[in-house]
N, C-alpha and C. Protein backbone atom coordinates (compact mmCIF):
# COMPACT_ATOMS: atom_id res chain seq x y z
N MET A 1 0.85 -1.41 -0.05
CA MET A 1 -0.50 0.32 0.27
C MET A 1 1.10 0.97 -0.03
N THR A 2 1.02 1.96 -1.00
CA THR A 2 1.13 3.59 -0.51
C THR A 2 0.06 4.51 -0.07
N GLU A 3 0.68 6.30 -0.64
CA GLU A 3 0.44 6.49 0.07
C GLU A 3 0.56 8.07 -0.47
N THR A 4 0.34 9.43 -1.05
CA THR A 4 0.22 10.27 -1.87
C THR A 4 0.76 11.65 -0.65
N ILE A 5 1.90 12.48 -0.82
CA ILE A 5 2.09 13.82 0.29
C ILE A 5 2.91 14.44 -0.81
N LYS A 6 2.15 15.55 -0.87
CA LYS A 6 2.47 16.78 -1.99
C LYS A 6 2.78 17.96 -0.83
N VAL A 7 4.10 18.44 -0.82
CA VAL A 7 4.29 19.32 0.20
C VAL A 7 5.07 20.25 -1.01
N GLU A 8 5.36 21.41 -0.52
CA GLU A 8 6.18 22.91 -0.66
C GLU A 8 7.67 22.95 0.37
N VAL A 9 8.45 23.11 -0.74
CA VAL A 9 9.57 22.76 -0.19
C VAL A 9 10.51 24.40 -0.89
N ASP A 10 10.97 24.40 -0.17
CA ASP A 10 11.65 24.89 -0.14
C ASP A 10 12.75 25.92 -2.21
N GLU A 11 12.76 26.42 -2.36
CA GLU A 11 13.53 25.93 -4.17
C GLU A 11 14.61 25.56 -4.03
N THR A 12 15.47 26.27 -2.77
CA THR A 12 17.34 26.11 -3.65
C THR A 12 16.85 24.37 -2.46
N LEU A 13 16.47 24.61 -1.13
CA LEU A 13 16.20 23.10 -0.86
C LEU A 13 16.30 21.76 -2.05
N ALA A 14 14.69 22.20 -2.44
CA ALA A 14 14.74 20.96 -2.91
C ALA A 14 15.42 20.65 -4.13
N LYS A 15 16.49 21.90 -4.48
CA LYS A 15 17.26 21.18 -6.21
C LYS A 15 18.29 19.77 -5.30
N ARG A 16 18.58 21.22 -4.33
CA ARG A 16 19.64 20.13 -3.11
C ARG A 16 19.48 18.87 -3.34
N PHE A 17 17.79 18.64 -2.71
CA PHE A 17 17.60 17.32 -2.76
C PHE A 17 17.33 16.40 -3.75
N ARG A 18 17.25 16.66 -5.06
CA ARG A 18 17.03 15.67 -5.83
C ARG A 18 18.51 15.74 -6.57
N LYS A 19 19.39 16.55 -5.62
CA LYS A 19 20.75 16.63 -6.87
C LYS A 19 21.42 14.87 -5.71
N ARG A 20 21.21 15.21 -4.50
CA ARG A 20 21.54 14.55 -3.19
C ARG A 20 20.93 12.92 -3.37
N ALA A 21 19.95 12.93 -3.68
CA ALA A 21 18.78 11.88 -4.19
C ALA A 21 19.14 11.41 -6.08
N MET A 22 19.95 11.86 -7.04
CA MET A 22 20.26 10.94 -8.11
C MET A 22 21.83 10.89 -8.01
N GLU A 23 22.36 11.31 -6.62
CA GLU A 23 24.06 10.70 -6.53
C GLU A 23 24.04 9.76 -5.04
N ARG A 24 22.91 9.95 -5.51
CA ARG A 24 22.55 8.33 -4.37
C ARG A 24 22.09 7.08 -4.76
N TYR A 25 21.17 6.90 -5.98
CA TYR A 25 20.22 5.64 -6.44
C TYR A 25 20.62 6.41 -7.65
N GLY A 26 20.87 7.00 -8.69
CA GLY A 26 21.89 7.34 -10.03
C GLY A 26 20.14 7.67 -10.76
N TYR A 27 20.71 8.32 -11.61
CA TYR A 27 19.51 9.35 -12.55
C TYR A 27 18.25 8.45 -13.14
N LYS A 28 17.72 7.60 -12.18
CA LYS A 28 16.98 7.22 -12.67
C LYS A 28 15.72 6.80 -12.06
N LYS A 29 14.60 6.21 -12.44
CA LYS A 29 13.01 6.56 -12.24
C LYS A 29 12.88 6.13 -10.57
N GLY A 30 12.66 6.46 -9.65
CA GLY A 30 12.09 6.11 -9.22
C GLY A 30 13.04 6.01 -7.73
N ALA A 31 14.54 7.19 -8.38
CA ALA A 31 15.07 7.41 -7.29
C ALA A 31 15.10 8.42 -5.77
N MET A 32 13.91 9.50 -6.41
CA MET A 32 13.39 11.01 -5.62
C MET A 32 12.35 10.40 -4.57
N LYS A 33 12.20 8.91 -4.67
CA LYS A 33 10.92 8.05 -3.89
C LYS A 33 11.83 7.14 -2.58
N LYS A 34 12.51 6.84 -3.70
CA LYS A 34 14.00 5.81 -2.23
C LYS A 34 14.01 7.47 -0.83
N ALA A 35 14.54 8.15 -2.08
CA ALA A 35 14.91 9.52 -0.79
C ALA A 35 14.85 10.23 -0.21
N VAL A 36 13.68 9.89 -1.01
CA VAL A 36 12.23 10.76 0.53
C VAL A 36 12.38 9.43 1.39
N GLU A 37 11.61 8.17 1.10
CA GLU A 37 11.86 7.11 1.75
C GLU A 37 12.85 7.57 3.18
N GLU A 38 13.54 7.18 2.64
CA GLU A 38 15.11 6.94 4.20
C GLU A 38 14.66 8.38 3.97
N ALA A 39 14.70 9.56 3.60
CA ALA A 39 14.83 10.53 4.90
C ALA A 39 12.88 10.72 6.34
N MET A 40 12.33 10.37 4.86
CA MET A 40 10.58 9.99 5.63
C MET A 40 11.36 8.73 6.81
N ARG A 41 12.39 7.58 7.25
CA ARG A 41 12.28 6.01 7.76
C ARG A 41 13.53 7.34 9.70
N LYS A 42 14.55 7.35 8.38
CA LYS A 42 15.45 8.57 9.20
C LYS A 42 14.22 9.51 10.60
N PHE A 43 13.52 10.07 9.67
CA PHE A 43 13.14 11.72 11.04
C PHE A 43 11.95 10.42 12.09
N SER A 44 11.84 9.11 11.86
CA SER A 44 10.56 8.49 12.70
C SER A 44 10.56 7.54 12.77
N MET A 45 12.05 7.73 13.35
CA MET A 45 12.58 6.86 13.88
C MET A 45 12.12 6.74 15.21
N PRO A 46 12.47 5.49 15.80
CA PRO A 46 11.64 5.42 17.68
C PRO A 46 12.78 5.29 17.92
N GLY A 47 12.02 6.54 19.25
CA GLY A 47 12.99 7.33 20.40
C GLY A 47 11.94 8.11 20.45
N LYS A 48 12.95 8.34 21.65
CA LYS A 48 11.93 10.11 22.96
C LYS A 48 12.70 11.57 22.08
N ALA A 49 11.58 12.39 21.65
CA ALA A 49 12.78 13.75 21.00
C ALA A 49 12.91 14.66 22.21
N ASP A 50 14.39 14.94 23.03
CA ASP A 50 14.12 15.77 23.79
C ASP A 50 14.16 17.18 23.17
N TRP A 51 12.12 17.14 23.50
CA TRP A 51 11.58 18.27 23.28
C TRP A 51 11.53 20.02 24.34
N ALA A 52 11.80 18.95 25.31
CA ALA A 52 12.88 20.62 26.47
C ALA A 52 13.82 20.94 25.79
N SER A 53 14.80 21.11 25.46
CA SER A 53 15.63 20.80 24.96
C SER A 53 16.23 21.88 23.64
N LEU A 54 15.57 21.39 22.72
CA LEU A 54 14.71 22.13 21.36
C LEU A 54 13.74 23.22 22.10
N ARG A 55 13.52 23.49 22.52
CA ARG A 55 12.56 24.51 23.60
C ARG A 55 13.28 25.82 23.29
N GLY A 56 15.18 25.43 24.17
CA GLY A 56 15.59 26.26 25.09
C GLY A 56 16.37 26.96 23.46
N ILE A 57 16.93 25.68 22.76
CA ILE A 57 17.31 26.39 21.36
C ILE A 57 17.22 27.37 20.73
N LEU A 58 15.08 26.77 20.16
CA LEU A 58 14.39 27.74 19.86
C LEU A 58 14.73 29.45 20.60
N ASN A 59 14.37 29.35 22.58
CA ASN A 59 14.20 30.61 22.74
C ASN A 59 15.35 31.43 22.64
N LYS A 60 17.14 30.81 22.42
CA LYS A 60 18.23 31.52 22.78
C LYS A 60 17.77 31.90 22.00
N ARG A 61 17.51 30.86 20.15
CA ARG A 61 18.80 31.87 19.36
C ARG A 61 17.51 33.07 18.12
N ARG A 62 16.30 32.47 18.84
CA ARG A 62 14.67 33.43 18.29
C ARG A 62 14.98 32.84 17.11
N ILE A 63 14.68 31.41 17.20
CA ILE A 63 13.91 31.43 15.61
C ILE A 63 13.23 30.50 15.39
N GLY A 64 12.67 30.02 14.61
CA GLY A 64 11.51 29.04 15.46
C GLY A 64 12.05 27.68 14.14
N SER A 65 11.22 27.15 14.51
CA SER A 65 11.41 25.65 14.67
C SER A 65 11.74 25.06 12.91
N VAL A 66 11.10 25.33 12.02
CA VAL A 66 11.20 25.05 10.40
C VAL A 66 13.03 26.03 10.74
N GLU A 67 13.08 27.67 10.49
CA GLU A 67 14.12 28.09 10.96
C GLU A 67 15.06 26.51 11.27
N LEU A 68 14.79 26.35 12.05
CA LEU A 68 16.06 25.52 13.05
C LEU A 68 16.23 24.60 12.02
N GLN A 69 15.57 23.69 11.50
CA GLN A 69 15.93 22.94 10.56
C GLN A 69 16.55 23.07 8.99
N HIS A 70 15.73 24.23 9.15
CA HIS A 70 16.47 24.43 7.86
C HIS A 70 18.27 25.29 8.16
N SER A 71 18.65 25.73 9.01
CA SER A 71 20.45 25.86 9.36
C SER A 71 20.76 24.77 9.94
N ILE A 72 20.02 23.24 10.06
CA ILE A 72 21.07 22.36 10.25
C ILE A 72 20.87 21.69 9.37
N TRP A 73 19.84 21.14 7.89
CA TRP A 73 19.85 20.47 7.04
C TRP A 73 21.38 21.57 5.94
N SER A 74 21.49 22.74 5.76
CA SER A 74 22.03 23.83 5.14
C SER A 74 23.72 23.01 5.24
N LYS A 75 23.69 22.32 6.52
CA LYS A 75 24.95 22.29 7.23
C LYS A 75 25.65 21.21 7.05
N GLN A 76 24.77 20.43 6.55
CA GLN A 76 24.99 18.73 5.97
C GLN A 76 25.54 18.70 4.49
N ASP A 77 25.86 20.40 3.57
CA ASP A 77 25.81 20.29 2.34
C ASP A 77 27.59 19.29 2.46
């Protein structure tokens, strides 16, 4: 069984993601699907999230969670 999820993301982030997906899974049909599934698996791994420390980071930096996520992902290039 599969499910379709539609999202809008930053253009620069999408281009970087597509480039990495193709590098990792090849320039063929299904590469994006595999990359998105891998990212979703990693994101939803079991375990307890430390939300208290995340709130502390956000308050100190005065940025939102989306901006924090973007800054972390952009450092992994």
